[in-house]
Amino acid sequence: MIKKLTKLTGLIVLSSVLIWSSWCFAASQQTSSTAASTIINRAESLVNDSDNDLSSSAEMLVWLNDGMVDIVSRTHCLEATESIALATSTVEYTVTSTYLTVKAVLYVDSDSKTWALKKGSPSSVGQNTAVTIPTYWYEWGGKVGVYPTITRTTETITVYYITRPEAIVSTDSITIPAIYDNALTLYVAAQAHFKDRQTGRYAQLMGLYLQELARLKSELTDQPQGVVE
């Protein structure tokens, strides 16, 4: 009983330290320089498993990579753009980078005038023949569709998307912003408890993980300013 209480006390204290320590870095969006092995060691300490009785370091690494994808999916913290040259009578274009989702598409005409396209659907392609310039975009199967199609060259689109983080090994540095190091540690530790069928502790750590993401989102989101009449 004493051993269980000691582990629980250590879990609460370390979780509190993790959450407090991220407070100082909430404004930073720089990519983390923390090694994956460091996050794994922190997660092992959090679940009191430095001897790898619950899970192996290899399993922890898999969960770490899953956690980075989950964080980016929830926070959209990795943003990038790609410029694509349009071709006449062509609807769909391949985005060469690996991404999770497309957020917006801008159209740049031959006079370098730029405006945002509206979100459309593949089912609407070819329906509005009165419009003669690209007005809508859609995403399907790793491609971005733009319609109506152009009738002249030298025009482009700029695709704004959320990058999918590439899988890393234990000696690599974390590829998401440093402010999410603590959340990532909580995610990895939670998966170790889930594997060990400790659903209560899994739920506790996942709850802390989601709270940490919510807190960071609140701090990083610009509040709307009052309208000046």
C-alpha atoms as a PDB file:
ATOM      1  CA  MET A   1       0.000   0.000   0.000  1.00  0.00           C
ATOM      2  CA  ILE A   2       2.851   2.393   0.905  1.00  0.00           C
ATOM      3  CA  LYS A   3       4.562   1.610  -2.395  1.00  0.00           C
ATOM      4  CA  LYS A   4       1.393   2.415  -4.355  1.00  0.00           C
ATOM      5  CA  LEU A   5       0.950   5.713  -2.485  1.00  0.00           C
ATOM      6  CA  THR A   6       4.575   6.614  -3.134  1.00  0.00           C
ATOM      7  CA  LYS A   7       4.163   5.990  -6.870  1.00  0.00           C
ATOM      8  CA  LEU A   8       0.936   8.012  -6.984  1.00  0.00           C
ATOM      9  CA  THR A   9       2.524  10.894  -5.074  1.00  0.00           C
ATOM     10  CA  GLY A  10       5.492  10.867  -7.424  1.00  0.00           C
ATOM     11  CA  LEU A  11       3.134  10.872 -10.419  1.00  0.00           C
ATOM     12  CA  ILE A  12       1.248  13.917  -9.160  1.00  0.00           C
ATOM     13  CA  VAL A  13       4.389  15.843  -8.233  1.00  0.00           C
ATOM     14  CA  LEU A  14       6.182  15.139 -11.512  1.00  0.00           C
ATOM     15  CA  SER A  15       3.071  15.984 -13.524  1.00  0.00           C
ATOM     16  CA  SER A  16       2.814  19.299 -11.692  1.00  0.00           C
ATOM     17  CA  VAL A  17       6.460  20.046 -12.428  1.00  0.00           C
ATOM     18  CA  LEU A  18       5.979  19.230 -16.098  1.00  0.00           C
ATOM     19  CA  ILE A  19       2.996  21.537 -16.412  1.00  0.00           C
ATOM     20  CA  TRP A  20       4.670  24.361 -14.463  1.00  0.00           C
ATOM     21  CA  SER A  21       7.914  24.153 -16.438  1.00  0.00           C
ATOM     22  CA  SER A  22       6.151  24.670 -19.773  1.00  0.00           C
ATOM     23  CA  TRP A  23       4.686  27.968 -18.548  1.00  0.00           C
ATOM     24  CA  CYS A  24       7.935  29.803 -19.231  1.00  0.00           C
ATOM     25  CA  PHE A  25       8.100  28.645 -22.856  1.00  0.00           C
ATOM     26  CA  ALA A  26       4.483  29.138 -23.871  1.00  0.00           C
ATOM     27  CA  ALA A  27       5.348  32.039 -26.182  1.00  0.00           C
ATOM     28  CA  SER A  28       8.044  30.155 -28.122  1.00  0.00           C
ATOM     29  CA  GLN A  29       7.200  28.510 -31.440  1.00  0.00           C
ATOM     30  CA  GLN A  30      10.738  27.319 -32.195  1.00  0.00           C
ATOM     31  CA  THR A  31      11.228  23.647 -33.006  1.00  0.00           C
ATOM     32  CA  SER A  32      12.295  21.682 -29.950  1.00  0.00           C
ATOM     33  CA  SER A  33      15.972  20.782 -29.605  1.00  0.00           C
ATOM     34  CA  THR A  34      15.123  18.076 -27.066  1.00  0.00           C
ATOM     35  CA  ALA A  35      16.289  14.597 -28.050  1.00  0.00           C
ATOM     36  CA  ALA A  36      13.628  11.922 -28.414  1.00  0.00           C
ATOM     37  CA  SER A  37      15.557   9.811 -25.905  1.00  0.00           C
ATOM     38  CA  THR A  38      15.141  12.586 -23.317  1.00  0.00           C
ATOM     39  CA  ILE A  39      11.356  12.593 -23.733  1.00  0.00           C
ATOM     40  CA  ILE A  40      11.355   8.799 -23.437  1.00  0.00           C
ATOM     41  CA  ASN A  41      13.426   8.937 -20.245  1.00  0.00           C
ATOM     42  CA  ARG A  42      11.049  11.512 -18.776  1.00  0.00           C
ATOM     43  CA  ALA A  43       8.059   9.332 -19.649  1.00  0.00           C
ATOM     44  CA  GLU A  44       9.726   6.290 -18.071  1.00  0.00           C
ATOM     45  CA  SER A  45      10.315   8.283 -14.891  1.00  0.00           C
ATOM     46  CA  LEU A  46       6.736   9.487 -14.904  1.00  0.00           C
ATOM     47  CA  VAL A  47       5.412   5.912 -14.894  1.00  0.00           C
ATOM     48  CA  ASN A  48       8.215   4.686 -12.594  1.00  0.00           C
ATOM     49  CA  ASP A  49       9.522   2.340 -15.284  1.00  0.00           C
ATOM     50  CA  SER A  50      13.217   3.135 -15.651  1.00  0.00           C
ATOM     51  CA  ASP A  51      13.879  -0.627 -15.852  1.00  0.00           C
ATOM     52  CA  ASN A  52      11.454  -0.991 -18.786  1.00  0.00           C
ATOM     53  CA  ASP A  53       9.197  -3.456 -16.965  1.00  0.00           C
ATOM     54  CA  LEU A  54       6.054  -1.941 -18.496  1.00  0.00           C
ATOM     55  CA  SER A  55       7.328  -1.199 -21.982  1.00  0.00           C
ATOM     56  CA  SER A  56      10.520  -1.105 -24.011  1.00  0.00           C
ATOM     57  CA  SER A  57      12.278   2.009 -25.242  1.00  0.00           C
ATOM     58  CA  ALA A  58      11.378   0.937 -28.779  1.00  0.00           C
ATOM     59  CA  GLU A  59       7.683   0.961 -27.862  1.00  0.00           C
ATOM     60  CA  MET A  60       8.106   4.347 -26.218  1.00  0.00           C
ATOM     61  CA  LEU A  61       9.621   5.658 -29.452  1.00  0.00           C
ATOM     62  CA  VAL A  62       6.600   4.468 -31.454  1.00  0.00           C
ATOM     63  CA  TRP A  63       4.279   6.268 -29.033  1.00  0.00           C
ATOM     64  CA  LEU A  64       6.454   9.380 -29.207  1.00  0.00           C
ATOM     65  CA  ASN A  65       6.070   9.521 -32.987  1.00  0.00           C
ATOM     66  CA  ASP A  66       2.332   8.903 -32.656  1.00  0.00           C
ATOM     67  CA  GLY A  67       2.175  11.656 -30.055  1.00  0.00           C
ATOM     68  CA  MET A  68       3.836  14.207 -32.330  1.00  0.00           C
ATOM     69  CA  VAL A  69       1.262  13.496 -35.029  1.00  0.00           C
ATOM     70  CA  ASP A  70      -1.574  13.725 -32.495  1.00  0.00           C
ATOM     71  CA  ILE A  71      -0.306  17.076 -31.170  1.00  0.00           C
ATOM     72  CA  VAL A  72       0.048  18.551 -34.649  1.00  0.00           C
ATOM     73  CA  SER A  73      -3.402  17.241 -35.593  1.00  0.00           C
ATOM     74  CA  ARG A  74      -4.960  18.929 -32.560  1.00  0.00           C
ATOM     75  CA  THR A  75      -2.952  22.173 -32.514  1.00  0.00           C
ATOM     76  CA  HIS A  76      -1.935  22.750 -36.161  1.00  0.00           C
ATOM     77  CA  CYS A  77       1.444  23.865 -34.809  1.00  0.00           C
ATOM     78  CA  LEU A  78       3.393  22.948 -37.974  1.00  0.00           C
ATOM     79  CA  GLU A  79       2.412  25.179 -40.872  1.00  0.00           C
ATOM     80  CA  ALA A  80       3.866  25.381 -44.373  1.00  0.00           C
ATOM     81  CA  THR A  81       3.035  26.541 -47.882  1.00  0.00           C
ATOM     82  CA  GLU A  82       3.685  25.243 -51.370  1.00  0.00           C
ATOM     83  CA  SER A  83       3.444  27.125 -54.649  1.00  0.00           C
ATOM     84  CA  ILE A  84       2.079  25.160 -57.609  1.00  0.00           C
ATOM     85  CA  ALA A  85       2.028  26.292 -61.246  1.00  0.00           C
ATOM     86  CA  LEU A  86      -1.382  25.904 -62.858  1.00  0.00           C
ATOM     87  CA  ALA A  87      -1.880  24.252 -66.237  1.00  0.00           C
ATOM     88  CA  THR A  88      -4.657  24.949 -68.708  1.00  0.00           C
ATOM     89  CA  SER A  89      -7.739  22.729 -68.438  1.00  0.00           C
ATOM     90  CA  THR A  90      -6.284  20.928 -65.401  1.00  0.00           C
ATOM     91  CA  VAL A  91      -8.327  20.521 -62.227  1.00  0.00           C
ATOM     92  CA  GLU A  92      -6.187  18.552 -59.758  1.00  0.00           C
ATOM     93  CA  TYR A  93      -2.610  19.145 -58.571  1.00  0.00           C
ATOM     94  CA  THR A  94      -0.365  17.052 -56.330  1.00  0.00           C
ATOM     95  CA  VAL A  95       1.034  18.538 -53.134  1.00  0.00           C
ATOM     96  CA  THR A  96       4.576  17.188 -52.999  1.00  0.00           C
ATOM     97  CA  SER A  97       5.034  17.565 -49.237  1.00  0.00           C
ATOM     98  CA  THR A  98       3.556  15.173 -46.665  1.00  0.00           C
ATOM     99  CA  TYR A  99       0.728  16.971 -44.912  1.00  0.00           C
ATOM    100  CA  LEU A 100      -2.186  16.335 -42.572  1.00  0.00           C
ATOM    101  CA  THR A 101      -4.718  18.793 -43.915  1.00  0.00           C
ATOM    102  CA  VAL A 102      -4.995  21.757 -46.257  1.00  0.00           C
ATOM    103  CA  LYS A 103      -6.177  24.952 -44.591  1.00  0.00           C
ATOM    104  CA  ALA A 104      -6.485  27.399 -47.486  1.00  0.00           C
ATOM    105  CA  VAL A 105      -5.586  27.997 -51.131  1.00  0.00           C
ATOM    106  CA  LEU A 106      -4.690  31.350 -52.716  1.00  0.00           C
ATOM    107  CA  TYR A 107      -4.911  32.039 -56.435  1.00  0.00           C
ATOM    108  CA  VAL A 108      -2.272  34.264 -58.104  1.00  0.00           C
ATOM    109  CA  ASP A 109      -3.148  35.388 -61.627  1.00  0.00           C
ATOM    110  CA  SER A 110      -0.823  36.438 -64.455  1.00  0.00           C
ATOM    111  CA  ASP A 111      -0.889  40.035 -63.203  1.00  0.00           C
ATOM    112  CA  SER A 112       0.296  38.892 -59.730  1.00  0.00           C
ATOM    113  CA  LYS A 113      -3.075  39.685 -58.189  1.00  0.00           C
ATOM    114  CA  THR A 114      -3.864  37.361 -55.291  1.00  0.00           C
ATOM    115  CA  TRP A 115      -7.085  36.276 -53.599  1.00  0.00           C
ATOM    116  CA  ALA A 116      -8.344  33.410 -51.503  1.00  0.00           C
ATOM    117  CA  LEU A 117     -10.378  30.656 -53.118  1.00  0.00           C
ATOM    118  CA  LYS A 118     -13.557  29.337 -51.523  1.00  0.00           C
ATOM    119  CA  LYS A 119     -13.818  25.772 -50.210  1.00  0.00           C
ATOM    120  CA  GLY A 120     -15.650  23.665 -52.769  1.00  0.00           C
ATOM    121  CA  SER A 121     -16.262  20.011 -53.644  1.00  0.00           C
ATOM    122  CA  PRO A 122     -15.336  17.620 -56.496  1.00  0.00           C
ATOM    123  CA  SER A 123     -19.048  17.229 -57.185  1.00  0.00           C
ATOM    124  CA  SER A 124     -19.261  20.906 -58.173  1.00  0.00           C
ATOM    125  CA  VAL A 125     -16.555  20.865 -60.837  1.00  0.00           C
ATOM    126  CA  GLY A 126     -17.876  22.021 -64.211  1.00  0.00           C
ATOM    127  CA  GLN A 127     -21.274  23.138 -62.927  1.00  0.00           C
ATOM    128  CA  ASN A 128     -20.751  26.904 -63.060  1.00  0.00           C
ATOM    129  CA  THR A 129     -19.715  27.617 -66.638  1.00  0.00           C
ATOM    130  CA  ALA A 130     -20.311  31.368 -66.286  1.00  0.00           C
ATOM    131  CA  VAL A 131     -17.191  31.765 -64.125  1.00  0.00           C
ATOM    132  CA  THR A 132     -13.941  31.760 -66.098  1.00  0.00           C
ATOM    133  CA  ILE A 133     -11.288  32.066 -63.373  1.00  0.00           C
ATOM    134  CA  PRO A 134     -10.445  29.757 -60.437  1.00  0.00           C
ATOM    135  CA  THR A 135     -12.881  30.426 -57.611  1.00  0.00           C
ATOM    136  CA  TYR A 136     -13.038  27.176 -55.572  1.00  0.00           C
ATOM    137  CA  TRP A 137     -10.683  24.558 -54.205  1.00  0.00           C
ATOM    138  CA  TYR A 138     -11.040  21.105 -52.664  1.00  0.00           C
ATOM    139  CA  GLU A 139      -8.738  18.448 -51.223  1.00  0.00           C
ATOM    140  CA  TRP A 140      -9.010  14.814 -52.268  1.00  0.00           C
ATOM    141  CA  GLY A 141      -6.583  11.894 -52.104  1.00  0.00           C
ATOM    142  CA  GLY A 142      -3.482  13.998 -51.527  1.00  0.00           C
ATOM    143  CA  LYS A 143      -4.361  16.390 -54.340  1.00  0.00           C
ATOM    144  CA  VAL A 144      -5.780  19.878 -54.432  1.00  0.00           C
ATOM    145  CA  GLY A 145      -8.477  20.601 -56.975  1.00  0.00           C
ATOM    146  CA  VAL A 146      -8.964  24.101 -58.392  1.00  0.00           C
ATOM    147  CA  TYR A 147     -11.927  25.129 -60.508  1.00  0.00           C
ATOM    148  CA  PRO A 148     -12.967  26.546 -62.877  1.00  0.00           C
ATOM    149  CA  THR A 149      -9.746  25.693 -64.694  1.00  0.00           C
ATOM    150  CA  ILE A 150      -7.523  28.380 -66.175  1.00  0.00           C
ATOM    151  CA  THR A 151      -7.336  29.171 -69.885  1.00  0.00           C
ATOM    152  CA  ARG A 152      -3.904  30.838 -69.850  1.00  0.00           C
ATOM    153  CA  THR A 153      -0.479  30.041 -68.395  1.00  0.00           C
ATOM    154  CA  THR A 154       1.854  31.737 -65.809  1.00  0.00           C
ATOM    155  CA  GLU A 155      -0.728  31.515 -63.032  1.00  0.00           C
ATOM    156  CA  THR A 156      -0.198  29.740 -59.708  1.00  0.00           C
ATOM    157  CA  ILE A 157      -1.815  28.731 -56.458  1.00  0.00           C
ATOM    158  CA  THR A 158      -0.309  28.804 -52.981  1.00  0.00           C
ATOM    159  CA  VAL A 159      -1.436  25.916 -50.787  1.00  0.00           C
ATOM    160  CA  TYR A 160      -1.446  26.449 -47.020  1.00  0.00           C
ATOM    161  CA  TYR A 161      -1.290  23.170 -45.126  1.00  0.00           C
ATOM    162  CA  ILE A 162      -0.466  21.521 -41.811  1.00  0.00           C
ATOM    163  CA  THR A 163       2.712  19.450 -42.061  1.00  0.00           C
ATOM    164  CA  ARG A 164       2.773  15.836 -40.903  1.00  0.00           C
ATOM    165  CA  PRO A 165       5.869  15.343 -38.689  1.00  0.00           C
ATOM    166  CA  GLU A 166       8.224  12.663 -39.978  1.00  0.00           C
ATOM    167  CA  ALA A 167       9.054   9.681 -37.772  1.00  0.00           C
ATOM    168  CA  ILE A 168      12.313  10.074 -35.872  1.00  0.00           C
ATOM    169  CA  VAL A 169      14.713   7.797 -33.994  1.00  0.00           C
ATOM    170  CA  SER A 170      15.771   8.170 -30.374  1.00  0.00           C
ATOM    171  CA  THR A 171      18.892  10.191 -31.204  1.00  0.00           C
ATOM    172  CA  ASP A 172      16.936  12.733 -33.262  1.00  0.00           C
ATOM    173  CA  SER A 173      15.494  15.942 -31.877  1.00  0.00           C
ATOM    174  CA  ILE A 174      11.756  16.470 -31.507  1.00  0.00           C
ATOM    175  CA  THR A 175      10.402  18.143 -34.653  1.00  0.00           C
ATOM    176  CA  ILE A 176       7.445  19.987 -33.126  1.00  0.00           C
ATOM    177  CA  PRO A 177       7.691  23.275 -31.159  1.00  0.00           C
ATOM    178  CA  ALA A 178       9.466  23.102 -27.799  1.00  0.00           C
ATOM    179  CA  ILE A 179       6.396  24.239 -25.873  1.00  0.00           C
ATOM    180  CA  TYR A 180       4.828  20.814 -26.505  1.00  0.00           C
ATOM    181  CA  ASP A 181       7.653  18.771 -24.933  1.00  0.00           C
ATOM    182  CA  ASN A 182       5.729  18.302 -21.685  1.00  0.00           C
ATOM    183  CA  ALA A 183       2.491  17.370 -23.437  1.00  0.00           C
ATOM    184  CA  LEU A 184       4.396  14.826 -25.514  1.00  0.00           C
ATOM    185  CA  THR A 185       5.897  13.318 -22.348  1.00  0.00           C
ATOM    186  CA  LEU A 186       2.429  12.925 -20.846  1.00  0.00           C
ATOM    187  CA  TYR A 187       1.134  11.282 -24.041  1.00  0.00           C
ATOM    188  CA  VAL A 188       3.968   8.729 -24.147  1.00  0.00           C
ATOM    189  CA  ALA A 189       3.594   7.912 -20.444  1.00  0.00           C
ATOM    190  CA  ALA A 190      -0.156   7.457 -20.857  1.00  0.00           C
ATOM    191  CA  GLN A 191       0.360   4.878 -23.612  1.00  0.00           C
ATOM    192  CA  ALA A 192       2.650   2.868 -21.310  1.00  0.00           C
ATOM    193  CA  HIS A 193      -0.134   2.670 -18.725  1.00  0.00           C
ATOM    194  CA  PHE A 194      -2.661   1.744 -21.425  1.00  0.00           C
ATOM    195  CA  LYS A 195      -0.460  -1.151 -22.562  1.00  0.00           C
ATOM    196  CA  ASP A 196      -0.216  -2.301 -18.936  1.00  0.00           C
ATOM    197  CA  ARG A 197      -4.055  -2.150 -18.723  1.00  0.00           C
ATOM    198  CA  GLN A 198      -3.903   0.499 -16.023  1.00  0.00           C
ATOM    199  CA  THR A 199      -6.866   2.353 -17.463  1.00  0.00           C
ATOM    200  CA  GLY A 200      -7.277   4.684 -14.501  1.00  0.00           C
ATOM    201  CA  ARG A 201      -3.730   6.021 -14.735  1.00  0.00           C
ATOM    202  CA  TYR A 202      -4.005   6.114 -18.536  1.00  0.00           C
ATOM    203  CA  ALA A 203      -7.122   8.271 -18.270  1.00  0.00           C
ATOM    204  CA  GLN A 204      -5.445  10.519 -15.689  1.00  0.00           C
ATOM    205  CA  LEU A 205      -2.396  11.194 -17.842  1.00  0.00           C
ATOM    206  CA  MET A 206      -4.442  11.667 -21.024  1.00  0.00           C
ATOM    207  CA  GLY A 207      -6.556  14.143 -19.105  1.00  0.00           C
ATOM    208  CA  LEU A 208      -3.413  16.063 -18.118  1.00  0.00           C
ATOM    209  CA  TYR A 209      -2.210  15.856 -21.721  1.00  0.00           C
ATOM    210  CA  LEU A 210      -5.415  17.382 -23.083  1.00  0.00           C
ATOM    211  CA  GLN A 211      -5.436  20.033 -20.348  1.00  0.00           C
ATOM    212  CA  GLU A 212      -1.894  21.020 -21.277  1.00  0.00           C
ATOM    213  CA  LEU A 213      -2.837  21.381 -24.957  1.00  0.00           C
ATOM    214  CA  ALA A 214      -5.921  23.407 -24.033  1.00  0.00           C
ATOM    215  CA  ARG A 215      -3.861  25.699 -21.803  1.00  0.00           C
ATOM    216  CA  LEU A 216      -1.272  26.310 -24.491  1.00  0.00           C
ATOM    217  CA  LYS A 217      -3.992  26.960 -27.064  1.00  0.00           C
ATOM    218  CA  SER A 218      -5.557  29.529 -24.770  1.00  0.00           C
ATOM    219  CA  GLU A 219      -2.229  31.304 -24.261  1.00  0.00           C
ATOM    220  CA  LEU A 220      -1.235  31.286 -27.911  1.00  0.00           C
ATOM    221  CA  THR A 221      -4.592  32.300 -29.398  1.00  0.00           C
ATOM    222  CA  ASP A 222      -4.963  35.997 -30.103  1.00  0.00           C
ATOM    223  CA  GLN A 223      -8.017  37.443 -28.418  1.00  0.00           C
ATOM    224  CA  PRO A 224     -10.340  39.448 -30.708  1.00  0.00           C
ATOM    225  CA  GLN A 225     -10.023  43.170 -30.221  1.00  0.00           C
ATOM    226  CA  GLY A 226     -12.998  45.379 -29.573  1.00  0.00           C
ATOM    227  CA  VAL A 227     -14.470  47.120 -32.596  1.00  0.00           C
ATOM    228  CA  VAL A 228     -13.792  50.846 -32.712  1.00  0.00           C
ATOM    229  CA  GLU A 229     -16.750  52.731 -34.100  1.00  0.00           C
END
